[in-house]
Amino acid sequence: LKATLPEVPIYVDAAYCAGVTPESHENALK
């Protein structure tokens, strides 16, 4: 979405996501 719409603000709400592991979740957020 960032590549397709580069001027539209893209947000990820971290508290409403979960990863395969907590560590991989945090790595993806970074």
All heavy atoms as atom14 arrays in JSON, in Angstrom:
{
  "sequence": "LKATLPEVPIYVDAAYCAGVTPESHENALK",
  "atom14_mask": [
    [1, 1, 1, 1, 1, 1, 1, 1, 0, 0, 0, 0, 0, 0],
    [1, 1, 1, 1, 1, 1, 1, 1, 1, 0, 0, 0, 0, 0],
    [1, 1, 1, 1, 1, 0, 0, 0, 0, 0, 0, 0, 0, 0],
    [1, 1, 1, 1, 1, 1, 1, 0, 0, 0, 0, 0, 0, 0],
    [1, 1, 1, 1, 1, 1, 1, 1, 0, 0, 0, 0, 0, 0],
    [1, 1, 1, 1, 1, 1, 1, 0, 0, 0, 0, 0, 0, 0],
    [1, 1, 1, 1, 1, 1, 1, 1, 1, 0, 0, 0, 0, 0],
    [1, 1, 1, 1, 1, 1, 1, 0, 0, 0, 0, 0, 0, 0],
    [1, 1, 1, 1, 1, 1, 1, 0, 0, 0, 0, 0, 0, 0],
    [1, 1, 1, 1, 1, 1, 1, 1, 0, 0, 0, 0, 0, 0],
    [1, 1, 1, 1, 1, 1, 1, 1, 1, 1, 1, 1, 0, 0],
    [1, 1, 1, 1, 1, 1, 1, 0, 0, 0, 0, 0, 0, 0],
    [1, 1, 1, 1, 1, 1, 1, 1, 0, 0, 0, 0, 0, 0],
    [1, 1, 1, 1, 1, 0, 0, 0, 0, 0, 0, 0, 0, 0],
    [1, 1, 1, 1, 1, 0, 0, 0, 0, 0, 0, 0, 0, 0],
    [1, 1, 1, 1, 1, 1, 1, 1, 1, 1, 1, 1, 0, 0],
    [1, 1, 1, 1, 1, 1, 0, 0, 0, 0, 0, 0, 0, 0],
    [1, 1, 1, 1, 1, 0, 0, 0, 0, 0, 0, 0, 0, 0],
    [1, 1, 1, 1, 0, 0, 0, 0, 0, 0, 0, 0, 0, 0],
    [1, 1, 1, 1, 1, 1, 1, 0, 0, 0, 0, 0, 0, 0],
    [1, 1, 1, 1, 1, 1, 1, 0, 0, 0, 0, 0, 0, 0],
    [1, 1, 1, 1, 1, 1, 1, 0, 0, 0, 0, 0, 0, 0],
    [1, 1, 1, 1, 1, 1, 1, 1, 1, 0, 0, 0, 0, 0],
    [1, 1, 1, 1, 1, 1, 0, 0, 0, 0, 0, 0, 0, 0],
    [1, 1, 1, 1, 1, 1, 1, 1, 1, 1, 0, 0, 0, 0],
    [1, 1, 1, 1, 1, 1, 1, 1, 1, 0, 0, 0, 0, 0],
    [1, 1, 1, 1, 1, 1, 1, 1, 0, 0, 0, 0, 0, 0],
    [1, 1, 1, 1, 1, 0, 0, 0, 0, 0, 0, 0, 0, 0],
    [1, 1, 1, 1, 1, 1, 1, 1, 0, 0, 0, 0, 0, 0],
    [1, 1, 1, 1, 1, 1, 1, 1, 1, 0, 0, 0, 0, 0]
  ],
  "atom14_positions": [
    [[0.83, -1.21, 0.0], [0.0, 0.0, 0.0], [0.86, 1.26, 0.0], [0.54, 2.23, -0.68], [-0.96, -0.01, 1.19], [-2.05, -1.09, 1.11], [-2.82, -1.17, 2.42], [-2.97, -0.85, -0.07], [0.0, 0.0, 0.0], [0.0, 0.0, 0.0], [0.0, 0.0, 0.0], [0.0, 0.0, 0.0], [0.0, 0.0, 0.0], [0.0, 0.0, 0.0]],
    [[1.98, 1.24, 0.72], [2.89, 2.39, 0.73], [3.48, 2.61, -0.66], [3.61, 3.74, -1.11], [4.0, 2.17, 1.76], [4.88, 3.37, 1.98], [4.09, 4.5, 2.6], [4.95, 5.71, 2.88], [4.14, 6.87, 3.26], [0.0, 0.0, 0.0], [0.0, 0.0, 0.0], [0.0, 0.0, 0.0], [0.0, 0.0, 0.0], [0.0, 0.0, 0.0]],
    [[3.81, 1.52, -1.37], [4.35, 1.64, -2.72], [3.29, 2.12, -3.7], [3.58, 2.88, -4.63], [4.93, 0.3, -3.17], [0.0, 0.0, 0.0], [0.0, 0.0, 0.0], [0.0, 0.0, 0.0], [0.0, 0.0, 0.0], [0.0, 0.0, 0.0], [0.0, 0.0, 0.0], [0.0, 0.0, 0.0], [0.0, 0.0, 0.0], [0.0, 0.0, 0.0]],
    [[2.05, 1.68, -3.51], [0.96, 2.03, -4.43], [0.44, 3.44, -4.18], [0.09, 4.15, -5.13], [-0.19, 1.01, -4.27], [0.32, -0.3, -4.52], [-1.33, 1.29, -5.24], [0.0, 0.0, 0.0], [0.0, 0.0, 0.0], [0.0, 0.0, 0.0], [0.0, 0.0, 0.0], [0.0, 0.0, 0.0], [0.0, 0.0, 0.0], [0.0, 0.0, 0.0]],
    [[0.37, 3.85, -2.93], [-0.17, 5.15, -2.54], [0.85, 5.87, -1.64], [0.61, 6.04, -0.43], [-1.5, 4.96, -1.81], [-2.63, 4.34, -2.64], [-3.72, 3.74, -1.76], [-3.19, 5.38, -3.59], [0.0, 0.0, 0.0], [0.0, 0.0, 0.0], [0.0, 0.0, 0.0], [0.0, 0.0, 0.0], [0.0, 0.0, 0.0], [0.0, 0.0, 0.0]],
    [[1.98, 6.28, -2.19], [3.08, 6.79, -1.36], [2.76, 8.06, -0.58], [3.39, 8.32, 0.45], [4.21, 7.04, -2.36], [3.54, 7.17, -3.68], [2.31, 6.3, -3.62], [0.0, 0.0, 0.0], [0.0, 0.0, 0.0], [0.0, 0.0, 0.0], [0.0, 0.0, 0.0], [0.0, 0.0, 0.0], [0.0, 0.0, 0.0], [0.0, 0.0, 0.0]],
    [[1.78, 8.84, -1.0], [1.44, 10.08, -0.29], [0.3, 9.92, 0.71], [-0.03, 10.87, 1.42], [1.13, 11.19, -1.29], [2.32, 11.59, -2.16], [3.53, 12.03, -1.34], [3.36, 12.79, -0.36], [4.66, 11.6, -1.67], [0.0, 0.0, 0.0], [0.0, 0.0, 0.0], [0.0, 0.0, 0.0], [0.0, 0.0, 0.0], [0.0, 0.0, 0.0]],
    [[-0.29, 8.74, 0.77], [-1.34, 8.48, 1.75], [-0.69, 7.96, 3.03], [0.07, 6.99, 2.98], [-2.37, 7.45, 1.22], [-3.38, 7.07, 2.3], [-3.08, 7.98, -0.02], [0.0, 0.0, 0.0], [0.0, 0.0, 0.0], [0.0, 0.0, 0.0], [0.0, 0.0, 0.0], [0.0, 0.0, 0.0], [0.0, 0.0, 0.0], [0.0, 0.0, 0.0]],
    [[-0.95, 8.58, 4.17], [-0.39, 8.06, 5.42], [-0.89, 6.63, 5.69], [-2.09, 6.37, 5.65], [-0.89, 9.03, 6.48], [-1.28, 10.26, 5.74], [-1.73, 9.8, 4.38], [0.0, 0.0, 0.0], [0.0, 0.0, 0.0], [0.0, 0.0, 0.0], [0.0, 0.0, 0.0], [0.0, 0.0, 0.0], [0.0, 0.0, 0.0], [0.0, 0.0, 0.0]],
    [[0.06, 5.74, 5.94], [-0.25, 4.34, 6.25], [0.09, 4.13, 7.72], [1.21, 4.42, 8.15], [0.56, 3.35, 5.38], [0.47, 3.68, 3.89], [0.16, 1.91, 5.69], [-0.86, 3.43, 3.24], [0.0, 0.0, 0.0], [0.0, 0.0, 0.0], [0.0, 0.0, 0.0], [0.0, 0.0, 0.0], [0.0, 0.0, 0.0], [0.0, 0.0, 0.0]],
    [[-0.87, 3.61, 8.49], [-0.69, 3.35, 9.91], [-0.84, 1.85, 10.18], [-1.64, 1.18, 9.53], [-1.76, 4.08, 10.74], [-1.68, 5.58, 10.66], [-2.36, 6.28, 9.67], [-0.93, 6.29, 11.59], [-2.29, 7.66, 9.6], [-0.85, 7.67, 11.52], [-1.53, 8.35, 10.52], [-1.46, 9.72, 10.45], [0.0, 0.0, 0.0], [0.0, 0.0, 0.0]],
    [[-0.1, 1.37, 11.16], [-0.31, 0.03, 11.69], [-0.51, 0.2, 13.19], [0.32, 0.79, 13.88], [0.89, -0.9, 11.4], [0.76, -2.22, 12.14], [1.0, -1.15, 9.9], [0.0, 0.0, 0.0], [0.0, 0.0, 0.0], [0.0, 0.0, 0.0], [0.0, 0.0, 0.0], [0.0, 0.0, 0.0], [0.0, 0.0, 0.0], [0.0, 0.0, 0.0]],
    [[-1.65, -0.28, 13.68], [-1.96, -0.17, 15.1], [-1.41, -1.41, 15.81], [-2.0, -2.49, 15.75], [-3.46, -0.02, 15.3], [-3.79, 0.61, 16.63], [-3.0, 0.45, 17.58], [-4.85, 1.25, 16.72], [0.0, 0.0, 0.0], [0.0, 0.0, 0.0], [0.0, 0.0, 0.0], [0.0, 0.0, 0.0], [0.0, 0.0, 0.0], [0.0, 0.0, 0.0]],
    [[-0.26, -1.26, 16.44], [0.5, -2.39, 16.99], [-0.28, -3.21, 18.01], [-0.15, -4.43, 18.05], [1.8, -1.89, 17.61], [0.0, 0.0, 0.0], [0.0, 0.0, 0.0], [0.0, 0.0, 0.0], [0.0, 0.0, 0.0], [0.0, 0.0, 0.0], [0.0, 0.0, 0.0], [0.0, 0.0, 0.0], [0.0, 0.0, 0.0], [0.0, 0.0, 0.0]],
    [[-1.11, -2.56, 18.81], [-1.87, -3.28, 19.85], [-2.98, -4.14, 19.27], [-3.55, -4.97, 19.97], [-2.45, -2.29, 20.85], [0.0, 0.0, 0.0], [0.0, 0.0, 0.0], [0.0, 0.0, 0.0], [0.0, 0.0, 0.0], [0.0, 0.0, 0.0], [0.0, 0.0, 0.0], [0.0, 0.0, 0.0], [0.0, 0.0, 0.0], [0.0, 0.0, 0.0]],
    [[-3.27, -3.95, 17.99], [-4.35, -4.68, 17.32], [-3.77, -5.65, 16.3], [-4.46, -6.07, 15.37], [-5.3, -3.7, 16.64], [-5.99, -2.78, 17.62], [-5.32, -1.68, 18.15], [-7.29, -3.02, 18.02], [-5.95, -0.84, 19.07], [-7.92, -2.18, 18.93], [-7.24, -1.09, 19.45], [-7.86, -0.26, 20.35], [0.0, 0.0, 0.0], [0.0, 0.0, 0.0]],
    [[-2.5, -5.99, 16.48], [-1.8, -6.94, 15.6], [-1.09, -7.97, 16.47], [-0.79, -7.72, 17.64], [-0.75, -6.24, 14.75], [-1.38, -5.05, 13.57], [0.0, 0.0, 0.0], [0.0, 0.0, 0.0], [0.0, 0.0, 0.0], [0.0, 0.0, 0.0], [0.0, 0.0, 0.0], [0.0, 0.0, 0.0], [0.0, 0.0, 0.0], [0.0, 0.0, 0.0]],
    [[-0.8, -9.12, 15.88], [0.02, -10.13, 16.55], [0.85, -10.81, 15.49], [0.4, -11.02, 14.36], [-0.85, -11.15, 17.29], [0.0, 0.0, 0.0], [0.0, 0.0, 0.0], [0.0, 0.0, 0.0], [0.0, 0.0, 0.0], [0.0, 0.0, 0.0], [0.0, 0.0, 0.0], [0.0, 0.0, 0.0], [0.0, 0.0, 0.0], [0.0, 0.0, 0.0]],
    [[2.07, -11.15, 15.87], [2.96, -11.84, 14.95], [3.07, -13.32, 15.27], [2.44, -13.82, 16.2], [0.0, 0.0, 0.0], [0.0, 0.0, 0.0], [0.0, 0.0, 0.0], [0.0, 0.0, 0.0], [0.0, 0.0, 0.0], [0.0, 0.0, 0.0], [0.0, 0.0, 0.0], [0.0, 0.0, 0.0], [0.0, 0.0, 0.0], [0.0, 0.0, 0.0]],
    [[3.9, -13.99, 14.51], [4.16, -15.4, 14.76], [4.74, -15.57, 16.16], [4.38, -16.5, 16.88], [5.1, -15.97, 13.67], [5.5, -17.4, 13.99], [4.42, -15.91, 12.3], [0.0, 0.0, 0.0], [0.0, 0.0, 0.0], [0.0, 0.0, 0.0], [0.0, 0.0, 0.0], [0.0, 0.0, 0.0], [0.0, 0.0, 0.0], [0.0, 0.0, 0.0]],
    [[5.63, -14.65, 16.54], [6.16, -14.58, 17.9], [6.17, -13.11, 18.31], [6.16, -12.23, 17.45], [7.61, -15.13, 17.99], [8.47, -14.23, 17.26], [7.71, -16.55, 17.44], [0.0, 0.0, 0.0], [0.0, 0.0, 0.0], [0.0, 0.0, 0.0], [0.0, 0.0, 0.0], [0.0, 0.0, 0.0], [0.0, 0.0, 0.0], [0.0, 0.0, 0.0]],
    [[6.22, -12.82, 19.6], [6.33, -11.41, 20.02], [7.58, -10.73, 19.43], [7.53, -9.55, 19.07], [6.4, -11.49, 21.54], [5.64, -12.75, 21.87], [6.0, -13.71, 20.75], [0.0, 0.0, 0.0], [0.0, 0.0, 0.0], [0.0, 0.0, 0.0], [0.0, 0.0, 0.0], [0.0, 0.0, 0.0], [0.0, 0.0, 0.0], [0.0, 0.0, 0.0]],
    [[8.67, -11.48, 19.31], [9.91, -10.91, 18.76], [9.76, -10.57, 17.28], [10.18, -9.49, 16.84], [11.09, -11.89, 18.95], [11.44, -12.17, 20.4], [10.49, -13.16, 21.09], [9.79, -13.94, 20.4], [10.44, -13.14, 22.33], [0.0, 0.0, 0.0], [0.0, 0.0, 0.0], [0.0, 0.0, 0.0], [0.0, 0.0, 0.0], [0.0, 0.0, 0.0]],
    [[9.15, -11.47, 16.51], [8.99, -11.19, 15.08], [7.96, -10.08, 14.85], [8.07, -9.31, 13.9], [8.63, -12.46, 14.3], [7.4, -12.99, 14.73], [0.0, 0.0, 0.0], [0.0, 0.0, 0.0], [0.0, 0.0, 0.0], [0.0, 0.0, 0.0], [0.0, 0.0, 0.0], [0.0, 0.0, 0.0], [0.0, 0.0, 0.0], [0.0, 0.0, 0.0]],
    [[6.98, -9.97, 15.73], [6.02, -8.86, 15.7], [6.77, -7.54, 15.84], [6.6, -6.62, 15.05], [5.0, -9.05, 16.84], [4.14, -7.88, 17.17], [3.05, -7.52, 16.41], [4.22, -6.98, 18.19], [2.47, -6.45, 16.96], [3.17, -6.11, 18.02], [0.0, 0.0, 0.0], [0.0, 0.0, 0.0], [0.0, 0.0, 0.0], [0.0, 0.0, 0.0]],
    [[7.63, -7.45, 16.85], [8.39, -6.22, 17.1], [9.35, -5.92, 15.95], [9.49, -4.75, 15.54], [9.16, -6.32, 18.43], [9.82, -5.04, 18.85], [8.88, -3.84, 18.99], [7.73, -4.01, 19.43], [9.31, -2.72, 18.64], [0.0, 0.0, 0.0], [0.0, 0.0, 0.0], [0.0, 0.0, 0.0], [0.0, 0.0, 0.0], [0.0, 0.0, 0.0]],
    [[10.01, -6.93, 15.41], [10.92, -6.73, 14.27], [10.17, -6.16, 13.07], [10.67, -5.27, 12.38], [11.61, -8.04, 13.88], [12.65, -8.47, 14.88], [13.15, -7.67, 15.66], [12.98, -9.75, 14.85], [0.0, 0.0, 0.0], [0.0, 0.0, 0.0], [0.0, 0.0, 0.0], [0.0, 0.0, 0.0], [0.0, 0.0, 0.0], [0.0, 0.0, 0.0]],
    [[8.97, -6.67, 12.83], [8.16, -6.19, 11.7], [7.75, -4.74, 11.92], [7.77, -3.93, 10.98], [6.94, -7.07, 11.5], [0.0, 0.0, 0.0], [0.0, 0.0, 0.0], [0.0, 0.0, 0.0], [0.0, 0.0, 0.0], [0.0, 0.0, 0.0], [0.0, 0.0, 0.0], [0.0, 0.0, 0.0], [0.0, 0.0, 0.0], [0.0, 0.0, 0.0]],
    [[7.38, -4.4, 13.14], [7.0, -3.01, 13.43], [8.17, -2.07, 13.16], [8.0, -1.0, 12.56], [6.52, -2.87, 14.88], [5.24, -3.63, 15.23], [4.98, -3.55, 16.74], [4.05, -3.12, 14.45], [0.0, 0.0, 0.0], [0.0, 0.0, 0.0], [0.0, 0.0, 0.0], [0.0, 0.0, 0.0], [0.0, 0.0, 0.0], [0.0, 0.0, 0.0]],
    [[9.37, -2.46, 13.57], [10.56, -1.63, 13.34], [10.85, -1.51, 11.85], [11.22, -0.42, 11.38], [11.76, -2.22, 14.08], [11.69, -2.03, 15.57], [12.86, -2.67, 16.28], [12.71, -2.54, 17.78], [13.75, -3.29, 18.5], [0.0, 0.0, 0.0], [0.0, 0.0, 0.0], [0.0, 0.0, 0.0], [0.0, 0.0, 0.0], [0.0, 0.0, 0.0]]
  ]
}
